[in-house]
Amino acid sequence: MTSLVQQKFGEAAADYAASTVHAAGPSLARLLELVETKPTWRVLDIATGAGHTALAFAPHVAKVTASDITPEMLQEARRLARERKLGNVVTARAPADDLPFPDTSYNLVTCRLAAHHFRDPAAFVREAARVLIPGGTLALVDNISPDETDLASAYNAFEKLRDPSHGRCLTLDEWHALMRDAGLTLTSSEVMDQDIPFDPWVQRMRCTAPTTARLQEMLGAEPLRAYLRPRETGAGLVFTLREAIIVAQKT
């Protein structure tokens, strides 16, 4: 049975392949800086989407497995890999919380801008730790919620209105705790701003006119206005999300 995530992202696969935020956002460049790869490494990119993170690491390692649950996304990842002549990228259907890969299979596991869709983030972290070799690295990027409970609820409601397959953005402290519980040791944790152009953001999820109007209304009112900082630019309405970039090691 097709899940809501598969349905929404299957429809939007080509848009995510072309999305500047996903293809070349600052968090991707920072992730590449933080993870010191080796040419012999095997890498697993979980919830790869159109494959942007997998393809960014591929020139620096031996092999990358780009995994996702949405066939249309994997098709886009294969297309982009062919266009870039990256012969060391393979794709695999795999749920984040139940990976079909053996223990200690990978030197690096990555996951970028996807974990807020996972039904069980703790299981995802445990599975990532399981498939890592001892000393292997988990590198995660995801939007995070504010610490204040009411503001976090408002923010996640905003995200879910735009994308009904949205689960919940965790706080930075929640991610740290899940990694410690899975036996991982934090080696780097930072947060950066990510500016989001509003119109492409709603268009990727095929938002209706009433939904778009309601999202704009929420964005312009408290408590979200102070947190997301909407403003008009020459390119249109823009707001700012907070992205965590966390690197942890299996000890």
C-alpha atoms as a PDB file:
ATOM      1  CA  MET A   1       0.000   0.000   0.000  1.00  0.00           C
ATOM      2  CA  THR A   2       1.333   3.442  -0.924  1.00  0.00           C
ATOM      3  CA  SER A   3       1.986   5.623   2.111  1.00  0.00           C
ATOM      4  CA  LEU A   4       1.166   9.324   2.299  1.00  0.00           C
ATOM      5  CA  VAL A   5       4.887  10.110   2.124  1.00  0.00           C
ATOM      6  CA  GLN A   6       5.250   8.041  -1.054  1.00  0.00           C
ATOM      7  CA  GLN A   7       2.175   9.666  -2.578  1.00  0.00           C
ATOM      8  CA  LYS A   8       3.203  13.261  -1.840  1.00  0.00           C
ATOM      9  CA  PHE A   9       6.837  12.852  -2.796  1.00  0.00           C
ATOM     10  CA  GLY A  10       6.111  10.667  -5.795  1.00  0.00           C
ATOM     11  CA  GLU A  11       4.056  13.531  -7.209  1.00  0.00           C
ATOM     12  CA  ALA A  12       6.803  16.040  -6.416  1.00  0.00           C
ATOM     13  CA  ALA A  13       9.892  14.007  -7.367  1.00  0.00           C
ATOM     14  CA  ALA A  14      10.884  16.112 -10.371  1.00  0.00           C
ATOM     15  CA  ASP A  15      10.393  19.318  -8.378  1.00  0.00           C
ATOM     16  CA  TYR A  16      12.727  18.082  -5.633  1.00  0.00           C
ATOM     17  CA  ALA A  17      15.301  17.099  -8.238  1.00  0.00           C
ATOM     18  CA  ALA A  18      15.284  20.730  -9.402  1.00  0.00           C
ATOM     19  CA  SER A  19      14.950  22.337  -5.951  1.00  0.00           C
ATOM     20  CA  THR A  20      17.848  24.683  -5.164  1.00  0.00           C
ATOM     21  CA  VAL A  21      17.275  24.294  -1.412  1.00  0.00           C
ATOM     22  CA  HIS A  22      17.769  20.537  -1.661  1.00  0.00           C
ATOM     23  CA  ALA A  23      20.368  20.421  -4.427  1.00  0.00           C
ATOM     24  CA  ALA A  24      22.726  23.107  -3.170  1.00  0.00           C
ATOM     25  CA  GLY A  25      21.591  24.420   0.207  1.00  0.00           C
ATOM     26  CA  PRO A  26      24.321  25.626   2.582  1.00  0.00           C
ATOM     27  CA  SER A  27      23.793  22.686   4.919  1.00  0.00           C
ATOM     28  CA  LEU A  28      24.965  20.279   2.208  1.00  0.00           C
ATOM     29  CA  ALA A  29      28.228  22.155   1.700  1.00  0.00           C
ATOM     30  CA  ARG A  30      28.725  22.283   5.460  1.00  0.00           C
ATOM     31  CA  LEU A  31      28.083  18.556   5.801  1.00  0.00           C
ATOM     32  CA  LEU A  32      30.790  17.856   3.231  1.00  0.00           C
ATOM     33  CA  GLU A  33      33.173  20.055   5.224  1.00  0.00           C
ATOM     34  CA  LEU A  34      32.438  18.339   8.537  1.00  0.00           C
ATOM     35  CA  VAL A  35      32.758  14.727   7.342  1.00  0.00           C
ATOM     36  CA  GLU A  36      36.319  13.800   6.403  1.00  0.00           C
ATOM     37  CA  THR A  37      35.657  11.030   3.889  1.00  0.00           C
ATOM     38  CA  LYS A  38      38.112   8.429   2.595  1.00  0.00           C
ATOM     39  CA  PRO A  39      38.174   7.009  -0.943  1.00  0.00           C
ATOM     40  CA  THR A  40      37.579   3.471   0.354  1.00  0.00           C
ATOM     41  CA  TRP A  41      34.368   4.321   2.191  1.00  0.00           C
ATOM     42  CA  ARG A  42      30.952   2.763   1.648  1.00  0.00           C
ATOM     43  CA  VAL A  43      28.145   5.266   2.214  1.00  0.00           C
ATOM     44  CA  LEU A  44      24.407   4.877   2.797  1.00  0.00           C
ATOM     45  CA  ASP A  45      22.149   7.888   2.221  1.00  0.00           C
ATOM     46  CA  ILE A  46      18.793   7.312   3.935  1.00  0.00           C
ATOM     47  CA  ALA A  47      15.640   8.936   2.504  1.00  0.00           C
ATOM     48  CA  THR A  48      17.746  10.196  -0.356  1.00  0.00           C
ATOM     49  CA  GLY A  49      14.882  11.900  -2.197  1.00  0.00           C
ATOM     50  CA  ALA A  50      16.255  12.967  -5.567  1.00  0.00           C
ATOM     51  CA  GLY A  51      19.708  11.896  -4.416  1.00  0.00           C
ATOM     52  CA  HIS A  52      21.389  15.266  -3.890  1.00  0.00           C
ATOM     53  CA  THR A  53      23.296  14.269  -0.741  1.00  0.00           C
ATOM     54  CA  ALA A  54      24.285  10.876  -2.151  1.00  0.00           C
ATOM     55  CA  LEU A  55      25.584  12.483  -5.343  1.00  0.00           C
ATOM     56  CA  ALA A  56      27.538  15.120  -3.413  1.00  0.00           C
ATOM     57  CA  PHE A  57      29.460  12.442  -1.487  1.00  0.00           C
ATOM     58  CA  ALA A  58      29.890  10.030  -4.410  1.00  0.00           C
ATOM     59  CA  PRO A  59      33.030  11.623  -5.957  1.00  0.00           C
ATOM     60  CA  HIS A  60      34.861  11.267  -2.632  1.00  0.00           C
ATOM     61  CA  VAL A  61      34.117   7.618  -1.724  1.00  0.00           C
ATOM     62  CA  ALA A  62      34.100   4.103  -3.187  1.00  0.00           C
ATOM     63  CA  LYS A  63      30.347   3.460  -3.289  1.00  0.00           C
ATOM     64  CA  VAL A  64      27.098   5.174  -2.287  1.00  0.00           C
ATOM     65  CA  THR A  65      23.763   3.465  -1.760  1.00  0.00           C
ATOM     66  CA  ALA A  66      20.925   5.964  -2.156  1.00  0.00           C
ATOM     67  CA  SER A  67      17.879   4.567  -0.353  1.00  0.00           C
ATOM     68  CA  ASP A  68      14.282   5.754  -0.205  1.00  0.00           C
ATOM     69  CA  ILE A  69      10.746   4.377  -0.046  1.00  0.00           C
ATOM     70  CA  THR A  70       9.481   6.352  -3.054  1.00  0.00           C
ATOM     71  CA  PRO A  71      10.178   4.791  -6.493  1.00  0.00           C
ATOM     72  CA  GLU A  72       9.819   8.103  -8.330  1.00  0.00           C
ATOM     73  CA  MET A  73      12.477   9.680  -6.120  1.00  0.00           C
ATOM     74  CA  LEU A  74      14.879   6.795  -6.748  1.00  0.00           C
ATOM     75  CA  GLN A  75      14.254   7.194 -10.463  1.00  0.00           C
ATOM     76  CA  GLU A  76      15.272  10.864 -10.221  1.00  0.00           C
ATOM     77  CA  ALA A  77      18.383   9.926  -8.227  1.00  0.00           C
ATOM     78  CA  ARG A  78      19.423   7.415 -10.909  1.00  0.00           C
ATOM     79  CA  ARG A  79      18.805   9.984 -13.638  1.00  0.00           C
ATOM     80  CA  LEU A  80      20.938  12.618 -11.922  1.00  0.00           C
ATOM     81  CA  ALA A  81      23.707  10.079 -11.265  1.00  0.00           C
ATOM     82  CA  ARG A  82      23.769   9.177 -14.956  1.00  0.00           C
ATOM     83  CA  GLU A  83      23.852  12.839 -15.979  1.00  0.00           C
ATOM     84  CA  ARG A  84      26.851  13.412 -13.693  1.00  0.00           C
ATOM     85  CA  LYS A  85      28.514  10.166 -14.821  1.00  0.00           C
ATOM     86  CA  LEU A  86      28.692   8.826 -11.269  1.00  0.00           C
ATOM     87  CA  GLY A  87      29.019   5.097 -11.713  1.00  0.00           C
ATOM     88  CA  ASN A  88      29.465   4.324  -8.005  1.00  0.00           C
ATOM     89  CA  VAL A  89      25.883   5.210  -7.004  1.00  0.00           C
ATOM     90  CA  VAL A  90      23.248   2.493  -6.590  1.00  0.00           C
ATOM     91  CA  THR A  91      19.677   2.848  -5.359  1.00  0.00           C
ATOM     92  CA  ALA A  92      17.614   0.713  -2.994  1.00  0.00           C
ATOM     93  CA  ARG A  93      14.051   0.686  -1.653  1.00  0.00           C
ATOM     94  CA  ALA A  94      14.413   0.895   2.118  1.00  0.00           C
ATOM     95  CA  PRO A  95      12.350   2.301   5.015  1.00  0.00           C
ATOM     96  CA  ALA A  96      14.439   4.405   7.378  1.00  0.00           C
ATOM     97  CA  ASP A  97      13.331   2.545  10.489  1.00  0.00           C
ATOM     98  CA  ASP A  98      13.851  -1.001   9.123  1.00  0.00           C
ATOM     99  CA  LEU A  99      16.894  -1.015   6.853  1.00  0.00           C
ATOM    100  CA  PRO A 100      17.388  -4.183   4.748  1.00  0.00           C
ATOM    101  CA  PHE A 101      21.177  -4.041   5.091  1.00  0.00           C
ATOM    102  CA  PRO A 102      23.527  -6.181   7.227  1.00  0.00           C
ATOM    103  CA  ASP A 103      25.162  -5.008  10.435  1.00  0.00           C
ATOM    104  CA  THR A 104      28.403  -3.040  10.073  1.00  0.00           C
ATOM    105  CA  SER A 105      27.972  -2.485   6.330  1.00  0.00           C
ATOM    106  CA  TYR A 106      28.845   1.197   5.993  1.00  0.00           C
ATOM    107  CA  ASN A 107      31.522   3.694   6.989  1.00  0.00           C
ATOM    108  CA  LEU A 108      29.109   6.629   6.736  1.00  0.00           C
ATOM    109  CA  VAL A 109      25.344   6.992   6.958  1.00  0.00           C
ATOM    110  CA  THR A 110      23.816  10.300   5.865  1.00  0.00           C
ATOM    111  CA  CYS A 111      20.293  11.676   6.041  1.00  0.00           C
ATOM    112  CA  ARG A 112      19.408  15.227   5.012  1.00  0.00           C
ATOM    113  CA  LEU A 113      16.107  17.133   5.207  1.00  0.00           C
ATOM    114  CA  ALA A 114      13.965  14.009   5.542  1.00  0.00           C
ATOM    115  CA  ALA A 115      13.837  12.806   9.150  1.00  0.00           C
ATOM    116  CA  HIS A 116      10.853  15.014  10.037  1.00  0.00           C
ATOM    117  CA  HIS A 117       8.806  12.555   7.934  1.00  0.00           C
ATOM    118  CA  PHE A 118       9.905   9.450   9.842  1.00  0.00           C
ATOM    119  CA  ARG A 119       7.261   7.729  11.927  1.00  0.00           C
ATOM    120  CA  ASP A 120       9.877   6.497  14.426  1.00  0.00           C
ATOM    121  CA  PRO A 121      13.007   8.706  14.589  1.00  0.00           C
ATOM    122  CA  ALA A 122      14.474   6.617  17.409  1.00  0.00           C
ATOM    123  CA  ALA A 123      14.263   3.466  15.269  1.00  0.00           C
ATOM    124  CA  PHE A 124      15.910   5.345  12.401  1.00  0.00           C
ATOM    125  CA  VAL A 125      18.876   6.305  14.595  1.00  0.00           C
ATOM    126  CA  ARG A 126      19.179   2.750  15.968  1.00  0.00           C
ATOM    127  CA  GLU A 127      19.126   1.312  12.457  1.00  0.00           C
ATOM    128  CA  ALA A 128      21.713   3.822  11.259  1.00  0.00           C
ATOM    129  CA  ALA A 129      23.949   2.850  14.183  1.00  0.00           C
ATOM    130  CA  ARG A 130      23.426  -0.861  13.483  1.00  0.00           C
ATOM    131  CA  VAL A 131      24.599  -0.694   9.870  1.00  0.00           C
ATOM    132  CA  LEU A 132      27.652   1.451  10.704  1.00  0.00           C
ATOM    133  CA  ILE A 133      31.033  -0.162  11.228  1.00  0.00           C
ATOM    134  CA  PRO A 134      32.686   0.518  14.616  1.00  0.00           C
ATOM    135  CA  GLY A 135      34.091   4.006  14.328  1.00  0.00           C
ATOM    136  CA  GLY A 136      31.632   4.817  11.521  1.00  0.00           C
ATOM    137  CA  THR A 137      29.867   8.139  11.205  1.00  0.00           C
ATOM    138  CA  LEU A 138      26.225   9.241  11.160  1.00  0.00           C
ATOM    139  CA  ALA A 139      25.733  12.666   9.554  1.00  0.00           C
ATOM    140  CA  LEU A 140      22.254  14.170   9.914  1.00  0.00           C
ATOM    141  CA  VAL A 141      20.716  17.396   8.657  1.00  0.00           C
ATOM    142  CA  ASP A 142      17.119  18.261   9.457  1.00  0.00           C
ATOM    143  CA  ASN A 143      14.846  21.156  10.244  1.00  0.00           C
ATOM    144  CA  ILE A 144      14.440  21.498  13.988  1.00  0.00           C
ATOM    145  CA  SER A 145      11.658  22.705  16.244  1.00  0.00           C
ATOM    146  CA  PRO A 146      12.087  25.450  18.811  1.00  0.00           C
ATOM    147  CA  ASP A 147      12.381  24.317  22.418  1.00  0.00           C
ATOM    148  CA  GLU A 148       9.183  26.055  23.562  1.00  0.00           C
ATOM    149  CA  THR A 149       6.342  23.528  23.453  1.00  0.00           C
ATOM    150  CA  ASP A 150       3.577  25.855  22.222  1.00  0.00           C
ATOM    151  CA  LEU A 151       5.770  27.398  19.546  1.00  0.00           C
ATOM    152  CA  ALA A 152       6.963  23.961  18.430  1.00  0.00           C
ATOM    153  CA  SER A 153       3.330  22.818  18.114  1.00  0.00           C
ATOM    154  CA  ALA A 154       2.467  25.868  16.020  1.00  0.00           C
ATOM    155  CA  TYR A 155       5.498  25.372  13.799  1.00  0.00           C
ATOM    156  CA  ASN A 156       4.789  21.672  13.177  1.00  0.00           C
ATOM    157  CA  ALA A 157       1.129  22.466  12.450  1.00  0.00           C
ATOM    158  CA  PHE A 158       2.331  24.985   9.864  1.00  0.00           C
ATOM    159  CA  GLU A 159       4.547  22.356   8.233  1.00  0.00           C
ATOM    160  CA  LYS A 160       1.820  19.713   8.306  1.00  0.00           C
ATOM    161  CA  LEU A 161      -0.735  22.017   6.681  1.00  0.00           C
ATOM    162  CA  ARG A 162       1.614  22.501   3.750  1.00  0.00           C
ATOM    163  CA  ASP A 163       2.601  18.810   3.642  1.00  0.00           C
ATOM    164  CA  PRO A 164       0.225  16.304   5.280  1.00  0.00           C
ATOM    165  CA  SER A 165       3.005  13.671   5.228  1.00  0.00           C
ATOM    166  CA  HIS A 166       5.045  15.794   7.658  1.00  0.00           C
ATOM    167  CA  GLY A 167       5.566  14.007  10.960  1.00  0.00           C
ATOM    168  CA  ARG A 168       7.347  16.219  13.494  1.00  0.00           C
ATOM    169  CA  CYS A 169      10.527  18.232  13.575  1.00  0.00           C
ATOM    170  CA  LEU A 170      12.472  17.304  16.694  1.00  0.00           C
ATOM    171  CA  THR A 171      14.406  19.752  18.828  1.00  0.00           C
ATOM    172  CA  LEU A 172      18.180  19.739  18.828  1.00  0.00           C
ATOM    173  CA  ASP A 173      18.230  18.234  22.321  1.00  0.00           C
ATOM    174  CA  GLU A 174      15.893  15.430  21.237  1.00  0.00           C
ATOM    175  CA  TRP A 175      18.260  14.467  18.410  1.00  0.00           C
ATOM    176  CA  HIS A 176      21.216  14.492  20.769  1.00  0.00           C
ATOM    177  CA  ALA A 177      19.389  12.203  23.175  1.00  0.00           C
ATOM    178  CA  LEU A 178      18.387   9.726  20.451  1.00  0.00           C
ATOM    179  CA  MET A 179      21.975   9.468  19.271  1.00  0.00           C
ATOM    180  CA  ARG A 180      23.337   8.921  22.761  1.00  0.00           C
ATOM    181  CA  ASP A 181      20.678   6.256  23.382  1.00  0.00           C
ATOM    182  CA  ALA A 182      21.797   4.463  20.204  1.00  0.00           C
ATOM    183  CA  GLY A 183      25.406   4.341  21.394  1.00  0.00           C
ATOM    184  CA  LEU A 184      26.658   7.181  19.228  1.00  0.00           C
ATOM    185  CA  THR A 185      29.055   9.887  20.409  1.00  0.00           C
ATOM    186  CA  LEU A 186      28.444  13.424  19.177  1.00  0.00           C
ATOM    187  CA  THR A 187      31.442  14.908  17.411  1.00  0.00           C
ATOM    188  CA  SER A 188      29.811  18.027  15.952  1.00  0.00           C
ATOM    189  CA  SER A 189      26.481  19.799  16.342  1.00  0.00           C
ATOM    190  CA  GLU A 190      25.515  23.162  14.929  1.00  0.00           C
ATOM    191  CA  VAL A 191      22.484  25.042  13.662  1.00  0.00           C
ATOM    192  CA  MET A 192      22.276  27.277  10.619  1.00  0.00           C
ATOM    193  CA  ASP A 193      19.592  29.410   9.027  1.00  0.00           C
ATOM    194  CA  GLN A 194      18.040  28.274   5.762  1.00  0.00           C
ATOM    195  CA  ASP A 195      16.069  30.857   3.793  1.00  0.00           C
ATOM    196  CA  ILE A 196      13.007  29.356   2.104  1.00  0.00           C
ATOM    197  CA  PRO A 197      11.299  31.083  -0.852  1.00  0.00           C
ATOM    198  CA  PHE A 198       7.605  30.731  -0.058  1.00  0.00           C
ATOM    199  CA  ASP A 199       6.146  30.250  -3.553  1.00  0.00           C
ATOM    200  CA  PRO A 200       8.331  27.262  -4.608  1.00  0.00           C
ATOM    201  CA  TRP A 201       7.849  25.805  -1.107  1.00  0.00           C
ATOM    202  CA  VAL A 202       4.061  25.601  -1.513  1.00  0.00           C
ATOM    203  CA  GLN A 203       4.221  24.715  -5.197  1.00  0.00           C
ATOM    204  CA  ARG A 204       6.360  21.606  -4.550  1.00  0.00           C
ATOM    205  CA  MET A 205       3.560  20.173  -2.403  1.00  0.00           C
ATOM    206  CA  ARG A 206       0.770  21.209  -4.824  1.00  0.00           C
ATOM    207  CA  CYS A 207      -0.899  23.372  -2.166  1.00  0.00           C
ATOM    208  CA  THR A 208      -4.343  24.660  -3.065  1.00  0.00           C
ATOM    209  CA  ALA A 209      -5.101  28.390  -3.107  1.00  0.00           C
ATOM    210  CA  PRO A 210      -6.964  28.257   0.253  1.00  0.00           C
ATOM    211  CA  THR A 211      -4.107  26.304   1.868  1.00  0.00           C
ATOM    212  CA  THR A 212      -1.540  28.753   0.484  1.00  0.00           C
ATOM    213  CA  ALA A 213      -3.555  31.698   1.818  1.00  0.00           C
ATOM    214  CA  ARG A 214      -3.820  30.079   5.252  1.00  0.00           C
ATOM    215  CA  LEU A 215      -0.071  29.384   5.331  1.00  0.00           C
ATOM    216  CA  GLN A 216       0.642  33.025   4.513  1.00  0.00           C
ATOM    217  CA  GLU A 217      -1.761  34.081   7.250  1.00  0.00           C
ATOM    218  CA  MET A 218      -0.022  31.827   9.810  1.00  0.00           C
ATOM    219  CA  LEU A 219       3.380  33.050   8.686  1.00  0.00           C
ATOM    220  CA  GLY A 220       2.423  36.669   9.194  1.00  0.00           C
ATOM    221  CA  ALA A 221       0.928  36.201  12.672  1.00  0.00           C
ATOM    222  CA  GLU A 222       2.401  35.320  16.044  1.00  0.00           C
ATOM    223  CA  PRO A 223       3.778  33.060  17.293  1.00  0.00           C
ATOM    224  CA  LEU A 224       5.318  32.058  13.947  1.00  0.00           C
ATOM    225  CA  ARG A 225       6.200  35.501  12.634  1.00  0.00           C
ATOM    226  CA  ALA A 226       8.933  36.086  15.193  1.00  0.00           C
ATOM    227  CA  TYR A 227      10.331  32.571  14.763  1.00  0.00           C
ATOM    228  CA  LEU A 228      10.222  32.217  10.957  1.00  0.00           C
ATOM    229  CA  ARG A 229      10.918  35.896  10.167  1.00  0.00           C
ATOM    230  CA  PRO A 230       8.929  36.290   6.934  1.00  0.00           C
ATOM    231  CA  ARG A 231       9.922  39.219   4.703  1.00  0.00           C
ATOM    232  CA  GLU A 232       9.363  40.417   1.169  1.00  0.00           C
ATOM    233  CA  THR A 233      12.366  40.342  -1.148  1.00  0.00           C
ATOM    234  CA  GLY A 234      12.911  41.075  -4.807  1.00  0.00           C
ATOM    235  CA  ALA A 235      12.221  37.412  -5.474  1.00  0.00           C
ATOM    236  CA  GLY A 236       9.048  37.336  -3.371  1.00  0.00           C
ATOM    237  CA  LEU A 237       8.136  36.202   0.138  1.00  0.00           C
ATOM    238  CA  VAL A 238      10.929  34.433   2.051  1.00  0.00           C
ATOM    239  CA  PHE A 239      11.041  32.931   5.550  1.00  0.00           C
ATOM    240  CA  THR A 240      13.801  31.243   7.553  1.00  0.00           C
ATOM    241  CA  LEU A 241      13.989  27.726   8.955  1.00  0.00           C
ATOM    242  CA  ARG A 242      16.578  26.411  11.381  1.00  0.00           C
ATOM    243  CA  GLU A 243      18.565  23.377  10.240  1.00  0.00           C
ATOM    244  CA  ALA A 244      20.588  21.202  12.589  1.00  0.00           C
ATOM    245  CA  ILE A 245      23.784  19.621  11.271  1.00  0.00           C
ATOM    246  CA  ILE A 246      24.793  16.781  13.588  1.00  0.00           C
ATOM    247  CA  VAL A 247      27.713  14.393  13.193  1.00  0.00           C
ATOM    248  CA  ALA A 248      28.115  11.411  15.545  1.00  0.00           C
ATOM    249  CA  GLN A 249      30.416   8.404  15.704  1.00  0.00           C
ATOM    250  CA  LYS A 250      29.743   4.782  16.545  1.00  0.00           C
ATOM    251  CA  THR A 251      32.112   3.826  19.369  1.00  0.00           C
END
